[in-house]
Amino acid sequence: MTTTSPSTPDPVTGTGSPLRIGIGGPVGSGKTALIEALVPRFVEAGRRVGVITNDIYTQEDAMHVRRELDGVISPDVVIGVETGSCPHTAVRDDPTMNLMTAADLLDEHPEIDTLFFESGGDNLTLTFSPALVDVFVFVLDTAEGQKMPKKRGPGITESDILVINKTDIAQYVRCDLTVMNADAVDVRDGNPVVLTDCFSGQGITELQQKLEGFRESRE
């Protein structure tokens, strides 16, 4: 694992470290699919991307990302963390496991300038520690119901970007997308809401641009 002296910037959080993007949200909301849609766009833009996934007991998400992004990024830059406990613990309460994994990844691949952290699926209270990520994206999907934004919760109200995913199936799950979007905007006090369909690509470029804006704001 990488070690740093007091005068050496931390490779994960210090000056020159990658843009660290946290993707969280309930089970099945499309967090993995969102990462798989975003990464090729970042790569096309010349970014060098790494991905760290979090599951409680398995490497399933990491293996899925490696398969889906085969030929886009090396499988060596996709790492799975088995948290062994609630995902909140590993990305919010004590992100040590993720920070250590990121340090090891950057030690082997110092060229990485964009690093995704995917939390294991959980409820509306999930957030990311600011010690771990620069920008926190929370993902809802239309199948969860148009009422979800009104339930608030810190994931919905405090995330830097709220994504409403699976817009393509809204009409089939009795979700009025216009109402869901309006309610989300209303509870977020001006912070951005992005509507996405990972399979058609709707909203993915807009989301990428907003994420790059966070890179620019910290430089």
C-alpha atoms as a PDB file:
ATOM      1  CA  MET A   1       0.000   0.000   0.000  1.00  0.00           C
ATOM      2  CA  THR A   2       1.157   3.534  -0.732  1.00  0.00           C
ATOM      3  CA  THR A   3       2.589   5.452   2.214  1.00  0.00           C
ATOM      4  CA  THR A   4       3.076   9.200   2.330  1.00  0.00           C
ATOM      5  CA  SER A   5       5.289  11.457   4.405  1.00  0.00           C
ATOM      6  CA  PRO A   6       3.827  14.617   5.956  1.00  0.00           C
ATOM      7  CA  SER A   7       5.212  16.630   3.021  1.00  0.00           C
ATOM      8  CA  THR A   8       3.882  14.259   0.327  1.00  0.00           C
ATOM      9  CA  PRO A   9       0.341  14.881  -0.964  1.00  0.00           C
ATOM     10  CA  ASP A  10      -2.040  12.006  -0.354  1.00  0.00           C
ATOM     11  CA  PRO A  11      -2.570  10.315  -3.763  1.00  0.00           C
ATOM     12  CA  VAL A  12      -6.266   9.741  -3.046  1.00  0.00           C
ATOM     13  CA  THR A  13      -7.295  13.053  -1.488  1.00  0.00           C
ATOM     14  CA  GLY A  14      -4.373  15.452  -1.915  1.00  0.00           C
ATOM     15  CA  THR A  15      -3.371  17.927  -4.596  1.00  0.00           C
ATOM     16  CA  GLY A  16      -3.464  16.291  -8.021  1.00  0.00           C
ATOM     17  CA  SER A  17      -5.647  13.403  -6.863  1.00  0.00           C
ATOM     18  CA  PRO A  18      -8.369  12.013  -9.154  1.00  0.00           C
ATOM     19  CA  LEU A  19     -11.883  13.417  -9.270  1.00  0.00           C
ATOM     20  CA  ARG A  20     -13.645  11.061  -6.849  1.00  0.00           C
ATOM     21  CA  ILE A  21     -17.289  10.378  -7.711  1.00  0.00           C
ATOM     22  CA  GLY A  22     -19.626   8.513  -5.333  1.00  0.00           C
ATOM     23  CA  ILE A  23     -22.647   6.735  -6.820  1.00  0.00           C
ATOM     24  CA  GLY A  24     -25.280   5.625  -4.300  1.00  0.00           C
ATOM     25  CA  GLY A  25     -28.933   4.705  -4.203  1.00  0.00           C
ATOM     26  CA  PRO A  26     -31.447   1.958  -3.457  1.00  0.00           C
ATOM     27  CA  VAL A  27     -31.064  -1.605  -4.699  1.00  0.00           C
ATOM     28  CA  GLY A  28     -31.903  -1.869  -8.393  1.00  0.00           C
ATOM     29  CA  SER A  29     -31.932   1.860  -9.103  1.00  0.00           C
ATOM     30  CA  GLY A  30     -29.272   1.447 -11.796  1.00  0.00           C
ATOM     31  CA  LYS A  31     -26.046   2.544 -10.108  1.00  0.00           C
ATOM     32  CA  THR A  32     -23.898   0.001 -11.925  1.00  0.00           C
ATOM     33  CA  ALA A  33     -25.587   0.683 -15.258  1.00  0.00           C
ATOM     34  CA  LEU A  34     -25.006   4.404 -14.751  1.00  0.00           C
ATOM     35  CA  ILE A  35     -21.283   3.865 -14.211  1.00  0.00           C
ATOM     36  CA  GLU A  36     -21.147   1.606 -17.260  1.00  0.00           C
ATOM     37  CA  ALA A  37     -22.802   4.342 -19.329  1.00  0.00           C
ATOM     38  CA  LEU A  38     -20.573   7.140 -18.000  1.00  0.00           C
ATOM     39  CA  VAL A  39     -17.164   5.489 -18.209  1.00  0.00           C
ATOM     40  CA  PRO A  40     -16.966   5.234 -22.036  1.00  0.00           C
ATOM     41  CA  ARG A  41     -17.803   8.933 -22.312  1.00  0.00           C
ATOM     42  CA  PHE A  42     -15.072   9.879 -19.865  1.00  0.00           C
ATOM     43  CA  VAL A  43     -12.615   7.633 -21.724  1.00  0.00           C
ATOM     44  CA  GLU A  44     -13.618   9.175 -25.054  1.00  0.00           C
ATOM     45  CA  ALA A  45     -12.899  12.587 -23.523  1.00  0.00           C
ATOM     46  CA  GLY A  46      -9.369  11.444 -22.681  1.00  0.00           C
ATOM     47  CA  ARG A  47      -9.891  10.625 -19.007  1.00  0.00           C
ATOM     48  CA  ARG A  48      -8.238   7.659 -17.295  1.00  0.00           C
ATOM     49  CA  VAL A  49     -10.888   5.957 -15.210  1.00  0.00           C
ATOM     50  CA  GLY A  50     -10.904   3.554 -12.263  1.00  0.00           C
ATOM     51  CA  VAL A  51     -13.910   1.969 -10.527  1.00  0.00           C
ATOM     52  CA  ILE A  52     -14.296   0.701  -6.956  1.00  0.00           C
ATOM     53  CA  THR A  53     -17.513  -1.149  -6.154  1.00  0.00           C
ATOM     54  CA  ASN A  54     -18.920  -2.054  -2.737  1.00  0.00           C
ATOM     55  CA  ASP A  55     -20.917  -5.195  -2.004  1.00  0.00           C
ATOM     56  CA  ILE A  56     -21.483  -6.760   1.382  1.00  0.00           C
ATOM     57  CA  TYR A  57     -20.325 -10.298   0.621  1.00  0.00           C
ATOM     58  CA  THR A  58     -19.569 -10.622  -3.110  1.00  0.00           C
ATOM     59  CA  GLN A  59     -17.620  -9.194  -6.047  1.00  0.00           C
ATOM     60  CA  GLU A  60     -20.687  -9.333  -8.297  1.00  0.00           C
ATOM     61  CA  ASP A  61     -20.824  -5.646  -9.244  1.00  0.00           C
ATOM     62  CA  ALA A  62     -17.085  -5.500  -9.952  1.00  0.00           C
ATOM     63  CA  MET A  63     -17.301  -8.567 -12.178  1.00  0.00           C
ATOM     64  CA  HIS A  64     -20.285  -7.075 -14.021  1.00  0.00           C
ATOM     65  CA  VAL A  65     -18.430  -3.805 -14.649  1.00  0.00           C
ATOM     66  CA  ARG A  66     -15.376  -5.692 -15.948  1.00  0.00           C
ATOM     67  CA  ARG A  67     -17.539  -7.669 -18.382  1.00  0.00           C
ATOM     68  CA  GLU A  68     -19.554  -4.709 -19.630  1.00  0.00           C
ATOM     69  CA  LEU A  69     -16.537  -2.416 -20.012  1.00  0.00           C
ATOM     70  CA  ASP A  70     -14.228  -5.011 -21.532  1.00  0.00           C
ATOM     71  CA  GLY A  71     -12.174  -3.193 -24.157  1.00  0.00           C
ATOM     72  CA  VAL A  72     -13.047   0.220 -22.699  1.00  0.00           C
ATOM     73  CA  ILE A  73     -10.943   0.066 -19.524  1.00  0.00           C
ATOM     74  CA  SER A  74      -8.588  -2.585 -18.200  1.00  0.00           C
ATOM     75  CA  PRO A  75     -10.107  -5.081 -15.750  1.00  0.00           C
ATOM     76  CA  ASP A  76      -7.170  -4.222 -13.472  1.00  0.00           C
ATOM     77  CA  VAL A  77      -8.674  -0.793 -12.709  1.00  0.00           C
ATOM     78  CA  VAL A  78     -11.986  -2.248 -11.465  1.00  0.00           C
ATOM     79  CA  ILE A  79     -11.773  -3.347  -7.824  1.00  0.00           C
ATOM     80  CA  GLY A  80     -14.471  -4.852  -5.625  1.00  0.00           C
ATOM     81  CA  VAL A  81     -14.623  -4.162  -1.894  1.00  0.00           C
ATOM     82  CA  GLU A  82     -16.506  -6.659   0.278  1.00  0.00           C
ATOM     83  CA  THR A  83     -17.698  -4.510   3.160  1.00  0.00           C
ATOM     84  CA  GLY A  84     -19.051  -7.320   5.362  1.00  0.00           C
ATOM     85  CA  SER A  85     -21.548  -4.857   6.832  1.00  0.00           C
ATOM     86  CA  CYS A  86     -24.052  -2.154   5.913  1.00  0.00           C
ATOM     87  CA  PRO A  87     -22.842  -0.105   2.910  1.00  0.00           C
ATOM     88  CA  HIS A  88     -23.240   3.060   4.986  1.00  0.00           C
ATOM     89  CA  THR A  89     -20.309   1.938   7.117  1.00  0.00           C
ATOM     90  CA  ALA A  90     -17.861   1.630   4.238  1.00  0.00           C
ATOM     91  CA  VAL A  91     -18.686   4.839   2.373  1.00  0.00           C
ATOM     92  CA  ARG A  92     -19.962   7.189   5.086  1.00  0.00           C
ATOM     93  CA  ASP A  93     -19.208   6.201   8.675  1.00  0.00           C
ATOM     94  CA  ASP A  94     -15.710   4.776   8.220  1.00  0.00           C
ATOM     95  CA  PRO A  95     -14.459   4.873   4.606  1.00  0.00           C
ATOM     96  CA  THR A  96     -11.046   3.428   5.525  1.00  0.00           C
ATOM     97  CA  MET A  97     -11.515   0.269   3.418  1.00  0.00           C
ATOM     98  CA  ASN A  98     -12.322   2.317   0.337  1.00  0.00           C
ATOM     99  CA  LEU A  99      -9.516   4.814   0.930  1.00  0.00           C
ATOM    100  CA  MET A 100      -7.000   1.979   1.322  1.00  0.00           C
ATOM    101  CA  THR A 101      -8.289   0.268  -1.815  1.00  0.00           C
ATOM    102  CA  ALA A 102      -8.054   3.544  -3.730  1.00  0.00           C
ATOM    103  CA  ALA A 103      -4.495   4.099  -2.498  1.00  0.00           C
ATOM    104  CA  ASP A 104      -3.462   0.637  -3.704  1.00  0.00           C
ATOM    105  CA  LEU A 105      -5.177   1.172  -7.060  1.00  0.00           C
ATOM    106  CA  LEU A 106      -3.476   4.537  -7.593  1.00  0.00           C
ATOM    107  CA  ASP A 107      -0.141   3.078  -6.564  1.00  0.00           C
ATOM    108  CA  GLU A 108      -0.444   0.601  -9.444  1.00  0.00           C
ATOM    109  CA  HIS A 109      -2.192   2.999 -11.836  1.00  0.00           C
ATOM    110  CA  PRO A 110      -1.083   6.568 -11.058  1.00  0.00           C
ATOM    111  CA  GLU A 111      -2.463   7.711 -14.410  1.00  0.00           C
ATOM    112  CA  ILE A 112      -6.065   7.455 -13.123  1.00  0.00           C
ATOM    113  CA  ASP A 113      -7.671  10.907 -13.004  1.00  0.00           C
ATOM    114  CA  THR A 114     -11.312   9.902 -12.473  1.00  0.00           C
ATOM    115  CA  LEU A 115     -12.321   7.401  -9.809  1.00  0.00           C
ATOM    116  CA  PHE A 116     -15.845   6.081  -9.275  1.00  0.00           C
ATOM    117  CA  PHE A 117     -16.969   4.627  -5.958  1.00  0.00           C
ATOM    118  CA  GLU A 118     -20.207   2.641  -6.158  1.00  0.00           C
ATOM    119  CA  SER A 119     -21.950   1.962  -2.874  1.00  0.00           C
ATOM    120  CA  GLY A 120     -23.841  -1.219  -2.250  1.00  0.00           C
ATOM    121  CA  GLY A 121     -27.566  -0.635  -2.681  1.00  0.00           C
ATOM    122  CA  ASP A 122     -29.339   0.782   0.328  1.00  0.00           C
ATOM    123  CA  ASN A 123     -32.134   3.127   1.354  1.00  0.00           C
ATOM    124  CA  LEU A 124     -32.745   6.863   1.181  1.00  0.00           C
ATOM    125  CA  THR A 125     -30.439   7.655   4.098  1.00  0.00           C
ATOM    126  CA  LEU A 126     -27.235   6.664   2.314  1.00  0.00           C
ATOM    127  CA  THR A 127     -24.630   9.399   1.878  1.00  0.00           C
ATOM    128  CA  PHE A 128     -20.902   9.460   1.126  1.00  0.00           C
ATOM    129  CA  SER A 129     -18.272  10.836   3.469  1.00  0.00           C
ATOM    130  CA  PRO A 130     -16.647  13.999   2.069  1.00  0.00           C
ATOM    131  CA  ALA A 131     -13.371  12.368   3.110  1.00  0.00           C
ATOM    132  CA  LEU A 132     -13.995   9.773   0.390  1.00  0.00           C
ATOM    133  CA  VAL A 133     -15.567  11.609  -2.560  1.00  0.00           C
ATOM    134  CA  ASP A 134     -15.592  15.048  -4.152  1.00  0.00           C
ATOM    135  CA  VAL A 135     -19.082  14.686  -5.578  1.00  0.00           C
ATOM    136  CA  PHE A 136     -21.997  12.513  -4.440  1.00  0.00           C
ATOM    137  CA  VAL A 137     -24.569  11.278  -6.963  1.00  0.00           C
ATOM    138  CA  PHE A 138     -27.746   9.668  -5.641  1.00  0.00           C
ATOM    139  CA  VAL A 139     -29.794   7.494  -8.000  1.00  0.00           C
ATOM    140  CA  LEU A 140     -33.547   6.896  -7.894  1.00  0.00           C
ATOM    141  CA  ASP A 141     -35.505   5.096 -10.590  1.00  0.00           C
ATOM    142  CA  THR A 142     -39.023   5.494 -11.858  1.00  0.00           C
ATOM    143  CA  ALA A 143     -40.002   1.940 -10.879  1.00  0.00           C
ATOM    144  CA  GLU A 144     -39.646   2.938  -7.229  1.00  0.00           C
ATOM    145  CA  GLY A 145     -42.607   5.259  -7.723  1.00  0.00           C
ATOM    146  CA  GLN A 146     -43.086   8.933  -8.459  1.00  0.00           C
ATOM    147  CA  LYS A 147     -43.630   9.595  -4.729  1.00  0.00           C
ATOM    148  CA  MET A 148     -39.985   8.892  -3.866  1.00  0.00           C
ATOM    149  CA  PRO A 149     -38.677  12.500  -3.974  1.00  0.00           C
ATOM    150  CA  LYS A 150     -41.355  13.546  -1.494  1.00  0.00           C
ATOM    151  CA  LYS A 151     -39.970  11.007   0.978  1.00  0.00           C
ATOM    152  CA  ARG A 152     -36.849  13.172   1.096  1.00  0.00           C
ATOM    153  CA  GLY A 153     -34.040  11.536   3.062  1.00  0.00           C
ATOM    154  CA  PRO A 154     -30.448  12.799   2.921  1.00  0.00           C
ATOM    155  CA  GLY A 155     -29.637  10.882  -0.258  1.00  0.00           C
ATOM    156  CA  ILE A 156     -32.339  12.825  -2.094  1.00  0.00           C
ATOM    157  CA  THR A 157     -31.907  16.207  -0.461  1.00  0.00           C
ATOM    158  CA  GLU A 158     -28.159  16.386   0.240  1.00  0.00           C
ATOM    159  CA  SER A 159     -26.543  14.711  -2.775  1.00  0.00           C
ATOM    160  CA  ASP A 160     -24.660  16.988  -5.145  1.00  0.00           C
ATOM    161  CA  ILE A 161     -26.595  15.554  -8.091  1.00  0.00           C
ATOM    162  CA  LEU A 162     -29.846  13.587  -7.982  1.00  0.00           C
ATOM    163  CA  VAL A 163     -30.427  11.208 -10.886  1.00  0.00           C
ATOM    164  CA  ILE A 164     -33.869   9.909 -11.793  1.00  0.00           C
ATOM    165  CA  ASN A 165     -33.061   6.812 -13.828  1.00  0.00           C
ATOM    166  CA  LYS A 166     -35.036   4.418 -16.056  1.00  0.00           C
ATOM    167  CA  THR A 167     -37.093   7.151 -17.672  1.00  0.00           C
ATOM    168  CA  ASP A 168     -37.855   4.704 -20.475  1.00  0.00           C
ATOM    169  CA  ILE A 169     -40.103   2.555 -18.270  1.00  0.00           C
ATOM    170  CA  ALA A 170     -41.963   5.342 -16.457  1.00  0.00           C
ATOM    171  CA  GLN A 171     -45.094   4.892 -18.546  1.00  0.00           C
ATOM    172  CA  TYR A 172     -45.203   1.176 -17.732  1.00  0.00           C
ATOM    173  CA  VAL A 173     -44.925   1.563 -13.956  1.00  0.00           C
ATOM    174  CA  ARG A 174     -47.548   4.298 -13.534  1.00  0.00           C
ATOM    175  CA  CYS A 175     -44.952   6.968 -12.893  1.00  0.00           C
ATOM    176  CA  ASP A 176     -45.703  10.506 -14.033  1.00  0.00           C
ATOM    177  CA  LEU A 177     -42.172  11.612 -14.836  1.00  0.00           C
ATOM    178  CA  THR A 178     -43.147  15.269 -14.976  1.00  0.00           C
ATOM    179  CA  VAL A 179     -44.509  15.117 -11.427  1.00  0.00           C
ATOM    180  CA  MET A 180     -41.548  13.089 -10.119  1.00  0.00           C
ATOM    181  CA  ASN A 181     -39.058  15.551 -11.606  1.00  0.00           C
ATOM    182  CA  ALA A 182     -40.960  18.583 -10.310  1.00  0.00           C
ATOM    183  CA  ASP A 183     -41.119  17.131  -6.790  1.00  0.00           C
ATOM    184  CA  ALA A 184     -37.394  16.357  -6.904  1.00  0.00           C
ATOM    185  CA  VAL A 185     -36.557  19.905  -7.954  1.00  0.00           C
ATOM    186  CA  ASP A 186     -38.811  21.238  -5.207  1.00  0.00           C
ATOM    187  CA  VAL A 187     -37.100  19.346  -2.357  1.00  0.00           C
ATOM    188  CA  ARG A 188     -33.523  19.970  -3.553  1.00  0.00           C
ATOM    189  CA  ASP A 189     -33.354  23.729  -3.095  1.00  0.00           C
ATOM    190  CA  GLY A 190     -31.883  24.442  -6.513  1.00  0.00           C
ATOM    191  CA  ASN A 191     -29.391  21.571  -6.665  1.00  0.00           C
ATOM    192  CA  PRO A 192     -29.365  19.665  -9.971  1.00  0.00           C
ATOM    193  CA  VAL A 193     -31.666  16.835 -10.990  1.00  0.00           C
ATOM    194  CA  VAL A 194     -30.791  14.811 -14.104  1.00  0.00           C
ATOM    195  CA  LEU A 195     -33.153  12.417 -15.888  1.00  0.00           C
ATOM    196  CA  THR A 196     -31.421   9.400 -17.415  1.00  0.00           C
ATOM    197  CA  ASP A 197     -31.963   6.271 -19.445  1.00  0.00           C
ATOM    198  CA  CYS A 198     -28.685   4.375 -19.359  1.00  0.00           C
ATOM    199  CA  PHE A 199     -29.511   2.173 -22.339  1.00  0.00           C
ATOM    200  CA  SER A 200     -30.489   4.895 -24.800  1.00  0.00           C
ATOM    201  CA  GLY A 201     -27.985   7.343 -23.352  1.00  0.00           C
ATOM    202  CA  GLN A 202     -30.545  10.005 -22.460  1.00  0.00           C
ATOM    203  CA  GLY A 203     -29.103  12.419 -19.911  1.00  0.00           C
ATOM    204  CA  ILE A 204     -25.683  10.734 -19.697  1.00  0.00           C
ATOM    205  CA  THR A 205     -23.794  13.513 -21.476  1.00  0.00           C
ATOM    206  CA  GLU A 206     -25.523  16.111 -19.301  1.00  0.00           C
ATOM    207  CA  LEU A 207     -24.510  14.176 -16.187  1.00  0.00           C
ATOM    208  CA  GLN A 208     -20.929  13.829 -17.410  1.00  0.00           C
ATOM    209  CA  GLN A 209     -20.710  17.575 -17.976  1.00  0.00           C
ATOM    210  CA  LYS A 210     -22.014  18.328 -14.483  1.00  0.00           C
ATOM    211  CA  LEU A 211     -19.468  15.938 -12.988  1.00  0.00           C
ATOM    212  CA  GLU A 212     -16.648  17.577 -14.925  1.00  0.00           C
ATOM    213  CA  GLY A 213     -17.834  20.862 -13.466  1.00  0.00           C
ATOM    214  CA  PHE A 214     -16.856  19.578 -10.026  1.00  0.00           C
ATOM    215  CA  ARG A 215     -13.369  18.854 -11.317  1.00  0.00           C
ATOM    216  CA  GLU A 216     -13.101  22.410 -12.573  1.00  0.00           C
ATOM    217  CA  SER A 217     -14.416  23.896  -9.343  1.00  0.00           C
ATOM    218  CA  ARG A 218     -11.710  22.276  -7.221  1.00  0.00           C
ATOM    219  CA  GLU A 219      -8.811  23.268  -9.491  1.00  0.00           C
END
